[in-house]
N, C-alpha and C. Protein backbone atom coordinates (compact mmCIF):
# COMPACT_ATOMS: atom_id res chain seq x y z
N MET A 1 31.70 -33.12 -2.34
CA MET A 1 30.78 -33.87 -3.18
C MET A 1 30.68 -33.27 -4.59
N ARG A 2 30.63 -31.93 -4.65
CA ARG A 2 30.50 -31.28 -5.95
C ARG A 2 31.68 -31.58 -6.88
N PRO A 3 32.93 -31.58 -6.38
CA PRO A 3 34.04 -31.95 -7.27
C PRO A 3 33.93 -33.37 -7.82
N VAL A 4 33.41 -34.28 -7.00
CA VAL A 4 33.23 -35.66 -7.46
C VAL A 4 32.18 -35.73 -8.57
N LEU A 5 31.06 -35.03 -8.36
CA LEU A 5 30.01 -35.00 -9.39
C LEU A 5 30.51 -34.33 -10.67
N SER A 6 31.30 -33.28 -10.51
CA SER A 6 31.87 -32.60 -11.68
C SER A 6 32.79 -33.54 -12.45
N PHE A 7 33.63 -34.26 -11.72
CA PHE A 7 34.52 -35.22 -12.37
C PHE A 7 33.72 -36.29 -13.11
N LEU A 8 32.69 -36.81 -12.44
CA LEU A 8 31.86 -37.85 -13.07
C LEU A 8 31.17 -37.33 -14.33
N PHE A 9 30.70 -36.08 -14.27
CA PHE A 9 30.05 -35.51 -15.46
C PHE A 9 31.04 -35.40 -16.61
N TRP A 10 32.23 -34.83 -16.35
CA TRP A 10 33.20 -34.65 -17.44
C TRP A 10 33.70 -35.99 -17.95
N ALA A 11 33.81 -36.97 -17.08
CA ALA A 11 34.19 -38.31 -17.52
C ALA A 11 33.10 -38.89 -18.42
N PHE A 12 31.84 -38.70 -18.03
CA PHE A 12 30.73 -39.17 -18.86
C PHE A 12 30.73 -38.48 -20.22
N LEU A 13 30.94 -37.17 -20.21
CA LEU A 13 30.98 -36.42 -21.47
C LEU A 13 32.08 -36.97 -22.38
N GLY A 14 33.26 -37.15 -21.82
CA GLY A 14 34.38 -37.66 -22.61
C GLY A 14 34.16 -39.07 -23.11
N LEU A 15 33.69 -39.94 -22.24
CA LEU A 15 33.49 -41.34 -22.63
C LEU A 15 32.30 -41.54 -23.55
N SER A 16 31.28 -40.71 -23.43
CA SER A 16 30.09 -40.87 -24.27
C SER A 16 30.28 -40.27 -25.67
N SER A 17 31.23 -39.38 -25.81
CA SER A 17 31.41 -38.71 -27.10
C SER A 17 31.80 -39.67 -28.23
N ALA A 18 32.66 -40.63 -27.94
CA ALA A 18 33.10 -41.56 -29.00
C ALA A 18 31.94 -42.40 -29.54
N PRO A 19 31.17 -43.08 -28.70
CA PRO A 19 30.06 -43.87 -29.28
C PRO A 19 28.98 -42.98 -29.91
N LEU A 20 28.73 -41.81 -29.32
CA LEU A 20 27.73 -40.92 -29.91
C LEU A 20 28.22 -40.37 -31.25
N PHE A 21 29.52 -40.13 -31.37
CA PHE A 21 30.08 -39.72 -32.65
C PHE A 21 29.89 -40.82 -33.69
N LEU A 22 30.12 -42.07 -33.29
CA LEU A 22 29.91 -43.18 -34.23
C LEU A 22 28.45 -43.25 -34.67
N GLY A 23 27.54 -42.96 -33.75
CA GLY A 23 26.12 -42.89 -34.11
C GLY A 23 25.87 -41.78 -35.12
N ALA A 24 26.51 -40.64 -34.93
CA ALA A 24 26.38 -39.52 -35.87
C ALA A 24 26.94 -39.90 -37.23
N LEU A 25 28.07 -40.56 -37.23
CA LEU A 25 28.69 -40.99 -38.50
C LEU A 25 27.76 -41.96 -39.23
N PHE A 26 27.15 -42.89 -38.50
CA PHE A 26 26.22 -43.84 -39.10
C PHE A 26 25.02 -43.12 -39.70
N ILE A 27 24.45 -42.18 -38.96
CA ILE A 27 23.30 -41.42 -39.46
C ILE A 27 23.69 -40.60 -40.68
N PHE A 28 24.86 -39.99 -40.63
CA PHE A 28 25.35 -39.21 -41.77
C PHE A 28 25.43 -40.07 -43.02
N LEU A 29 26.06 -41.23 -42.91
CA LEU A 29 26.23 -42.11 -44.07
C LEU A 29 24.89 -42.67 -44.54
N LEU A 30 24.03 -43.02 -43.61
CA LEU A 30 22.73 -43.60 -43.96
C LEU A 30 21.82 -42.59 -44.64
N THR A 31 21.83 -41.34 -44.20
CA THR A 31 20.89 -40.34 -44.70
C THR A 31 21.46 -39.46 -45.81
N LEU A 32 22.72 -39.60 -46.12
CA LEU A 32 23.35 -38.75 -47.14
C LEU A 32 22.61 -38.77 -48.48
N PRO A 33 22.13 -39.93 -48.97
CA PRO A 33 21.45 -39.92 -50.27
C PRO A 33 20.15 -39.12 -50.32
N PHE A 34 19.44 -39.02 -49.20
CA PHE A 34 18.12 -38.37 -49.26
C PHE A 34 17.98 -37.16 -48.32
N ASP A 35 18.97 -36.87 -47.51
CA ASP A 35 18.88 -35.75 -46.57
C ASP A 35 20.11 -34.87 -46.72
N ARG A 36 20.21 -34.19 -47.85
CA ARG A 36 21.38 -33.37 -48.17
C ARG A 36 21.62 -32.23 -47.20
N ASN A 37 20.56 -31.73 -46.57
CA ASN A 37 20.72 -30.63 -45.61
C ASN A 37 21.09 -31.12 -44.21
N GLY A 38 21.10 -32.42 -44.01
CA GLY A 38 21.50 -32.97 -42.73
C GLY A 38 20.52 -32.73 -41.59
N ARG A 39 19.24 -32.64 -41.91
CA ARG A 39 18.24 -32.36 -40.87
C ARG A 39 18.18 -33.48 -39.83
N LEU A 40 18.21 -34.72 -40.27
CA LEU A 40 18.15 -35.83 -39.32
C LEU A 40 19.40 -35.89 -38.45
N LEU A 41 20.55 -35.66 -39.05
CA LEU A 41 21.78 -35.62 -38.28
C LEU A 41 21.77 -34.46 -37.30
N HIS A 42 21.20 -33.35 -37.72
CA HIS A 42 21.10 -32.19 -36.83
C HIS A 42 20.21 -32.51 -35.63
N LEU A 43 19.09 -33.17 -35.86
CA LEU A 43 18.21 -33.54 -34.75
C LEU A 43 18.90 -34.53 -33.81
N TYR A 44 19.68 -35.44 -34.37
CA TYR A 44 20.47 -36.35 -33.53
C TYR A 44 21.45 -35.55 -32.68
N SER A 45 22.08 -34.55 -33.29
CA SER A 45 23.02 -33.71 -32.55
C SER A 45 22.32 -32.91 -31.46
N CYS A 46 21.09 -32.50 -31.74
CA CYS A 46 20.31 -31.80 -30.72
C CYS A 46 20.09 -32.70 -29.50
N ALA A 47 19.69 -33.94 -29.76
CA ALA A 47 19.47 -34.88 -28.66
C ALA A 47 20.78 -35.17 -27.93
N TRP A 48 21.87 -35.30 -28.67
CA TRP A 48 23.19 -35.55 -28.09
C TRP A 48 23.54 -34.41 -27.14
N ALA A 49 23.38 -33.18 -27.58
CA ALA A 49 23.72 -32.02 -26.75
C ALA A 49 22.83 -31.94 -25.52
N GLN A 50 21.55 -32.22 -25.69
CA GLN A 50 20.63 -32.11 -24.56
C GLN A 50 20.82 -33.24 -23.54
N LEU A 51 21.43 -34.32 -23.95
CA LEU A 51 21.76 -35.40 -23.03
C LEU A 51 22.60 -34.87 -21.87
N TYR A 52 23.52 -33.96 -22.17
CA TYR A 52 24.41 -33.45 -21.14
C TYR A 52 23.69 -32.53 -20.15
N PHE A 53 22.63 -31.88 -20.58
CA PHE A 53 21.81 -31.12 -19.63
C PHE A 53 21.00 -32.07 -18.75
N ALA A 54 20.55 -33.16 -19.34
CA ALA A 54 19.72 -34.12 -18.60
C ALA A 54 20.50 -34.82 -17.49
N VAL A 55 21.78 -35.11 -17.72
CA VAL A 55 22.54 -35.87 -16.73
C VAL A 55 23.26 -34.99 -15.72
N ASN A 56 23.38 -33.69 -15.99
CA ASN A 56 24.09 -32.82 -15.06
C ASN A 56 23.10 -32.20 -14.07
N PRO A 57 23.20 -32.54 -12.79
CA PRO A 57 22.23 -32.03 -11.83
C PRO A 57 22.37 -30.53 -11.55
N PHE A 58 23.46 -29.92 -11.99
CA PHE A 58 23.69 -28.49 -11.74
C PHE A 58 23.25 -27.61 -12.90
N TRP A 59 22.86 -28.21 -13.99
CA TRP A 59 22.44 -27.43 -15.16
C TRP A 59 20.93 -27.57 -15.32
N ARG A 60 20.30 -26.46 -15.58
CA ARG A 60 18.87 -26.46 -15.87
C ARG A 60 18.65 -25.53 -17.04
N ILE A 61 17.76 -25.89 -17.92
CA ILE A 61 17.54 -25.08 -19.11
C ILE A 61 16.04 -25.01 -19.40
N ASP A 62 15.58 -23.83 -19.72
CA ASP A 62 14.19 -23.60 -20.12
C ASP A 62 14.21 -22.79 -21.41
N PHE A 63 13.32 -23.13 -22.32
CA PHE A 63 13.19 -22.39 -23.57
C PHE A 63 11.84 -21.70 -23.60
N GLU A 64 11.86 -20.45 -23.99
CA GLU A 64 10.62 -19.70 -24.18
C GLU A 64 10.59 -19.21 -25.62
N GLY A 65 9.46 -19.43 -26.29
CA GLY A 65 9.31 -18.93 -27.65
C GLY A 65 9.90 -19.82 -28.73
N ARG A 66 10.30 -21.04 -28.38
CA ARG A 66 10.86 -21.95 -29.39
C ARG A 66 9.88 -22.19 -30.53
N GLU A 67 8.59 -22.18 -30.23
CA GLU A 67 7.58 -22.43 -31.26
C GLU A 67 7.53 -21.32 -32.30
N LYS A 68 8.10 -20.17 -32.00
CA LYS A 68 8.11 -19.06 -32.96
C LYS A 68 9.19 -19.22 -34.02
N LEU A 69 10.14 -20.09 -33.77
CA LEU A 69 11.21 -20.34 -34.73
C LEU A 69 10.72 -21.36 -35.76
N PRO A 70 10.71 -21.00 -37.04
CA PRO A 70 10.11 -21.90 -38.04
C PRO A 70 10.97 -23.14 -38.30
N TRP A 71 10.29 -24.24 -38.64
CA TRP A 71 11.00 -25.44 -39.08
C TRP A 71 11.57 -25.23 -40.47
N ARG A 72 10.82 -24.53 -41.29
CA ARG A 72 11.27 -24.22 -42.65
C ARG A 72 11.12 -22.72 -42.83
N GLY A 73 11.98 -22.16 -43.65
CA GLY A 73 11.92 -20.73 -43.90
C GLY A 73 13.09 -20.02 -43.25
N PRO A 74 13.38 -18.84 -43.74
CA PRO A 74 14.57 -18.13 -43.27
C PRO A 74 14.42 -17.57 -41.86
N ALA A 75 15.50 -17.59 -41.15
CA ALA A 75 15.57 -16.99 -39.82
C ALA A 75 17.04 -16.75 -39.49
N VAL A 76 17.29 -15.73 -38.72
CA VAL A 76 18.65 -15.44 -38.26
C VAL A 76 18.62 -15.44 -36.74
N LEU A 77 19.42 -16.29 -36.13
CA LEU A 77 19.55 -16.36 -34.68
C LEU A 77 20.85 -15.67 -34.29
N VAL A 78 20.78 -14.80 -33.32
CA VAL A 78 21.98 -14.10 -32.85
C VAL A 78 22.12 -14.41 -31.37
N ALA A 79 23.27 -14.94 -30.99
CA ALA A 79 23.50 -15.32 -29.61
C ALA A 79 24.69 -14.56 -29.05
N ASN A 80 24.58 -14.18 -27.80
CA ASN A 80 25.68 -13.56 -27.10
C ASN A 80 26.59 -14.69 -26.63
N HIS A 81 27.75 -14.80 -27.23
CA HIS A 81 28.63 -15.93 -26.99
C HIS A 81 29.37 -15.76 -25.66
N GLU A 82 28.90 -16.47 -24.65
CA GLU A 82 29.49 -16.37 -23.32
C GLU A 82 30.43 -17.54 -23.02
N SER A 83 30.10 -18.73 -23.55
CA SER A 83 30.92 -19.91 -23.25
C SER A 83 30.64 -20.99 -24.29
N LEU A 84 31.37 -22.08 -24.18
CA LEU A 84 31.11 -23.21 -25.07
C LEU A 84 29.77 -23.86 -24.78
N GLY A 85 29.22 -23.61 -23.61
CA GLY A 85 27.90 -24.13 -23.27
C GLY A 85 26.81 -23.56 -24.17
N ASP A 86 27.07 -22.38 -24.77
CA ASP A 86 26.09 -21.79 -25.67
C ASP A 86 25.74 -22.72 -26.81
N ILE A 87 26.72 -23.47 -27.27
CA ILE A 87 26.51 -24.39 -28.39
C ILE A 87 25.50 -25.46 -27.98
N LEU A 88 25.68 -26.03 -26.80
CA LEU A 88 24.75 -27.05 -26.31
C LEU A 88 23.36 -26.46 -26.13
N VAL A 89 23.28 -25.24 -25.63
CA VAL A 89 21.98 -24.60 -25.43
C VAL A 89 21.26 -24.41 -26.75
N LEU A 90 21.95 -23.90 -27.77
CA LEU A 90 21.31 -23.65 -29.06
C LEU A 90 20.80 -24.94 -29.71
N PHE A 91 21.50 -26.04 -29.49
CA PHE A 91 21.00 -27.31 -30.01
C PHE A 91 19.67 -27.68 -29.33
N GLY A 92 19.40 -27.14 -28.16
CA GLY A 92 18.15 -27.41 -27.48
C GLY A 92 16.94 -26.80 -28.16
N LEU A 93 17.17 -25.96 -29.18
CA LEU A 93 16.04 -25.42 -29.93
C LEU A 93 15.36 -26.49 -30.78
N TYR A 94 16.09 -27.55 -31.08
CA TYR A 94 15.57 -28.62 -31.94
C TYR A 94 14.99 -28.06 -33.24
N ARG A 95 15.71 -27.14 -33.84
CA ARG A 95 15.36 -26.59 -35.14
C ARG A 95 16.60 -26.65 -36.01
N PRO A 96 16.45 -26.98 -37.28
CA PRO A 96 17.62 -27.03 -38.15
C PRO A 96 18.19 -25.63 -38.38
N PHE A 97 19.50 -25.50 -38.22
CA PHE A 97 20.18 -24.24 -38.50
C PHE A 97 21.61 -24.51 -38.93
N LYS A 98 22.23 -23.50 -39.47
CA LYS A 98 23.64 -23.57 -39.88
C LYS A 98 24.44 -22.66 -38.98
N TRP A 99 25.59 -23.13 -38.57
CA TRP A 99 26.50 -22.29 -37.81
C TRP A 99 27.24 -21.37 -38.76
N VAL A 100 27.47 -20.16 -38.36
CA VAL A 100 28.27 -19.21 -39.12
C VAL A 100 29.52 -18.95 -38.29
N SER A 101 30.67 -19.32 -38.82
CA SER A 101 31.90 -19.18 -38.04
C SER A 101 33.10 -19.12 -38.96
N LYS A 102 34.20 -18.62 -38.39
CA LYS A 102 35.44 -18.64 -39.16
C LYS A 102 35.88 -20.09 -39.33
N ARG A 103 36.59 -20.34 -40.40
CA ARG A 103 36.97 -21.70 -40.79
C ARG A 103 37.77 -22.41 -39.69
N SER A 104 38.61 -21.71 -38.98
CA SER A 104 39.48 -22.36 -37.99
C SER A 104 38.69 -23.02 -36.86
N VAL A 105 37.46 -22.56 -36.61
CA VAL A 105 36.64 -23.19 -35.57
C VAL A 105 36.32 -24.63 -35.94
N PHE A 106 36.20 -24.90 -37.23
CA PHE A 106 35.84 -26.24 -37.68
C PHE A 106 37.06 -27.13 -37.90
N ASN A 107 38.25 -26.62 -37.64
CA ASN A 107 39.48 -27.39 -37.82
C ASN A 107 39.81 -28.20 -36.58
N VAL A 108 38.88 -29.02 -36.16
CA VAL A 108 39.11 -29.90 -35.02
C VAL A 108 38.92 -31.33 -35.50
N PRO A 109 39.59 -32.26 -34.84
CA PRO A 109 39.42 -33.66 -35.25
C PRO A 109 37.97 -34.11 -35.16
N PHE A 110 37.59 -34.99 -36.04
CA PHE A 110 36.26 -35.60 -36.03
C PHE A 110 35.13 -34.59 -36.17
N ASN A 111 35.32 -33.58 -36.97
CA ASN A 111 34.26 -32.58 -37.10
C ASN A 111 33.36 -32.89 -38.29
N ILE A 112 32.88 -34.10 -38.36
CA ILE A 112 31.96 -34.46 -39.44
C ILE A 112 30.65 -33.69 -39.30
N LEU A 113 30.28 -33.35 -38.08
CA LEU A 113 29.02 -32.65 -37.89
C LEU A 113 29.07 -31.30 -38.57
N GLY A 114 30.16 -30.58 -38.43
CA GLY A 114 30.29 -29.27 -39.08
C GLY A 114 30.30 -29.37 -40.59
N PHE A 115 31.07 -30.28 -41.12
CA PHE A 115 31.18 -30.37 -42.57
C PHE A 115 29.93 -30.98 -43.20
N SER A 116 29.30 -31.92 -42.52
CA SER A 116 28.16 -32.58 -43.13
C SER A 116 26.93 -31.69 -43.17
N PHE A 117 26.82 -30.74 -42.26
CA PHE A 117 25.67 -29.85 -42.28
C PHE A 117 25.80 -28.77 -43.32
N GLY A 118 26.96 -28.61 -43.93
CA GLY A 118 27.17 -27.51 -44.86
C GLY A 118 27.22 -26.18 -44.12
N GLN A 119 27.91 -26.17 -43.00
CA GLN A 119 28.01 -24.95 -42.21
C GLN A 119 28.70 -23.86 -43.01
N LEU A 120 28.43 -22.62 -42.67
CA LEU A 120 29.07 -21.49 -43.35
C LEU A 120 30.39 -21.19 -42.67
N MET A 121 31.46 -21.57 -43.35
CA MET A 121 32.80 -21.35 -42.81
C MET A 121 33.48 -20.31 -43.67
N TYR A 122 33.89 -19.22 -43.07
CA TYR A 122 34.48 -18.16 -43.86
C TYR A 122 35.98 -18.05 -43.58
N PRO A 123 36.75 -17.96 -44.65
CA PRO A 123 38.18 -17.69 -44.48
C PRO A 123 38.36 -16.20 -44.20
N ILE A 124 39.30 -15.89 -43.36
CA ILE A 124 39.58 -14.50 -43.05
C ILE A 124 39.94 -13.77 -44.35
N GLY A 125 39.29 -12.62 -44.58
CA GLY A 125 39.59 -11.81 -45.77
C GLY A 125 38.71 -12.10 -46.97
N ALA A 126 37.73 -12.98 -46.84
CA ALA A 126 36.86 -13.31 -47.97
C ALA A 126 35.43 -12.89 -47.67
N ALA A 127 35.26 -11.65 -47.27
CA ALA A 127 33.95 -11.18 -46.81
C ALA A 127 32.89 -11.23 -47.91
N ALA A 128 33.22 -10.86 -49.14
CA ALA A 128 32.22 -10.81 -50.21
C ALA A 128 31.66 -12.20 -50.50
N ALA A 129 32.52 -13.19 -50.63
CA ALA A 129 32.07 -14.56 -50.90
C ALA A 129 31.24 -15.08 -49.73
N PHE A 130 31.65 -14.74 -48.53
CA PHE A 130 30.94 -15.19 -47.35
C PHE A 130 29.54 -14.58 -47.27
N LEU A 131 29.43 -13.30 -47.56
CA LEU A 131 28.13 -12.64 -47.52
C LEU A 131 27.19 -13.20 -48.58
N SER A 132 27.73 -13.54 -49.75
CA SER A 132 26.86 -14.11 -50.78
C SER A 132 26.37 -15.50 -50.37
N ALA A 133 27.20 -16.27 -49.64
CA ALA A 133 26.77 -17.58 -49.15
C ALA A 133 25.67 -17.42 -48.11
N GLN A 134 25.79 -16.43 -47.25
CA GLN A 134 24.74 -16.16 -46.25
C GLN A 134 23.43 -15.78 -46.92
N LEU A 135 23.51 -14.91 -47.89
CA LEU A 135 22.31 -14.47 -48.60
C LEU A 135 21.64 -15.65 -49.30
N ALA A 136 22.42 -16.50 -49.94
CA ALA A 136 21.87 -17.68 -50.61
C ALA A 136 21.16 -18.60 -49.62
N LEU A 137 21.76 -18.78 -48.45
CA LEU A 137 21.13 -19.63 -47.43
C LEU A 137 19.77 -19.08 -47.02
N LEU A 138 19.69 -17.77 -46.81
CA LEU A 138 18.43 -17.16 -46.42
C LEU A 138 17.39 -17.22 -47.54
N ILE A 139 17.84 -17.00 -48.77
CA ILE A 139 16.92 -17.04 -49.91
C ILE A 139 16.30 -18.43 -50.04
N TYR A 140 17.09 -19.46 -49.81
CA TYR A 140 16.58 -20.82 -49.94
C TYR A 140 15.94 -21.34 -48.65
N GLY A 141 15.67 -20.42 -47.72
CA GLY A 141 14.88 -20.79 -46.54
C GLY A 141 15.66 -21.35 -45.39
N GLY A 142 16.94 -21.10 -45.31
CA GLY A 142 17.74 -21.63 -44.22
C GLY A 142 17.72 -20.75 -42.99
N THR A 143 18.15 -21.31 -41.89
CA THR A 143 18.30 -20.58 -40.63
C THR A 143 19.76 -20.64 -40.25
N MET A 144 20.31 -19.52 -39.81
CA MET A 144 21.71 -19.51 -39.41
C MET A 144 21.87 -18.88 -38.03
N VAL A 145 22.95 -19.27 -37.36
CA VAL A 145 23.25 -18.78 -36.02
C VAL A 145 24.53 -17.97 -36.08
N PHE A 146 24.45 -16.74 -35.57
CA PHE A 146 25.61 -15.88 -35.41
C PHE A 146 25.90 -15.74 -33.93
N TYR A 147 27.15 -15.69 -33.60
CA TYR A 147 27.55 -15.36 -32.24
C TYR A 147 28.07 -13.95 -32.21
N ILE A 148 27.65 -13.20 -31.24
CA ILE A 148 28.22 -11.88 -31.01
C ILE A 148 29.19 -12.04 -29.85
N VAL A 149 30.45 -11.84 -30.12
CA VAL A 149 31.46 -11.98 -29.10
C VAL A 149 31.75 -10.59 -28.56
N LEU A 150 31.09 -10.24 -27.46
CA LEU A 150 31.13 -8.88 -26.94
C LEU A 150 32.53 -8.37 -26.62
N PRO A 151 33.42 -9.14 -26.01
CA PRO A 151 34.76 -8.59 -25.75
C PRO A 151 35.48 -8.17 -27.04
N LEU A 152 35.29 -8.92 -28.12
CA LEU A 152 35.93 -8.55 -29.39
C LEU A 152 35.30 -7.30 -29.97
N ILE A 153 33.99 -7.15 -29.82
CA ILE A 153 33.32 -5.95 -30.32
C ILE A 153 33.79 -4.73 -29.53
N ARG A 154 33.87 -4.87 -28.22
CA ARG A 154 34.34 -3.76 -27.39
C ARG A 154 35.77 -3.38 -27.73
N GLU A 155 36.61 -4.39 -27.97
CA GLU A 155 38.01 -4.14 -28.33
C GLU A 155 38.08 -3.37 -29.65
N ALA A 156 37.29 -3.77 -30.63
CA ALA A 156 37.28 -3.09 -31.93
C ALA A 156 36.78 -1.66 -31.78
N GLN A 157 35.75 -1.45 -30.95
CA GLN A 157 35.24 -0.10 -30.75
C GLN A 157 36.28 0.78 -30.08
N THR A 158 36.98 0.24 -29.09
CA THR A 158 38.03 0.99 -28.40
C THR A 158 39.16 1.34 -29.37
N ARG A 159 39.55 0.38 -30.21
CA ARG A 159 40.61 0.61 -31.19
C ARG A 159 40.20 1.71 -32.17
N ARG A 160 38.97 1.67 -32.67
CA ARG A 160 38.50 2.70 -33.61
C ARG A 160 38.47 4.06 -32.94
N ALA A 161 38.04 4.13 -31.69
CA ALA A 161 37.97 5.41 -30.99
C ALA A 161 39.37 5.99 -30.80
N SER A 162 40.33 5.13 -30.46
CA SER A 162 41.69 5.64 -30.27
C SER A 162 42.32 6.05 -31.60
N GLU A 163 41.96 5.36 -32.69
CA GLU A 163 42.46 5.76 -34.01
C GLU A 163 41.89 7.10 -34.43
N ARG A 164 40.61 7.35 -34.12
CA ARG A 164 40.00 8.64 -34.43
C ARG A 164 40.66 9.77 -33.64
N GLU A 165 40.93 9.50 -32.36
CA GLU A 165 41.56 10.50 -31.51
C GLU A 165 42.97 10.83 -32.00
N SER A 166 43.70 9.82 -32.43
CA SER A 166 45.08 10.04 -32.87
C SER A 166 45.14 10.73 -34.23
N SER A 167 44.10 10.56 -35.06
CA SER A 167 44.10 11.18 -36.39
C SER A 167 43.60 12.61 -36.34
N SER A 168 42.95 13.02 -35.26
CA SER A 168 42.43 14.40 -35.21
C SER A 168 43.33 15.35 -34.46
């Protein structure tokens, strides 16, 4: 039974994405003149993401402390990136935020959501420009989401430790 329900869920996700994307495109075009930060489109995306929690009987989500996250004003959210499901969970905050990610993450077809929100996309090797964009976002009251990818951090720590050992 579980494989059947799993298939039905993934089929629903795949089939629902096209019309929901068209809805996002419509909202983007309609609100572009007066909603430059994409807050309305972001809220639509929040509802879109939470739809998949609502229809999947195996997923349950609870939020604690969401009211502490401001609607306006600077905030930095840091998430331990475990899976692609993290993205859907963070949209459940129903608070406007910007994703912080390398540019290649946004190089997927139909990524109007990423580009229309003015997400912070950094090219590899452009740390100074990227940091100034982050600082500007915080100064102007934005909220951004960082993912901490623990396996990559551990790999970098191991590499640094072995480099120290080999140099001494």
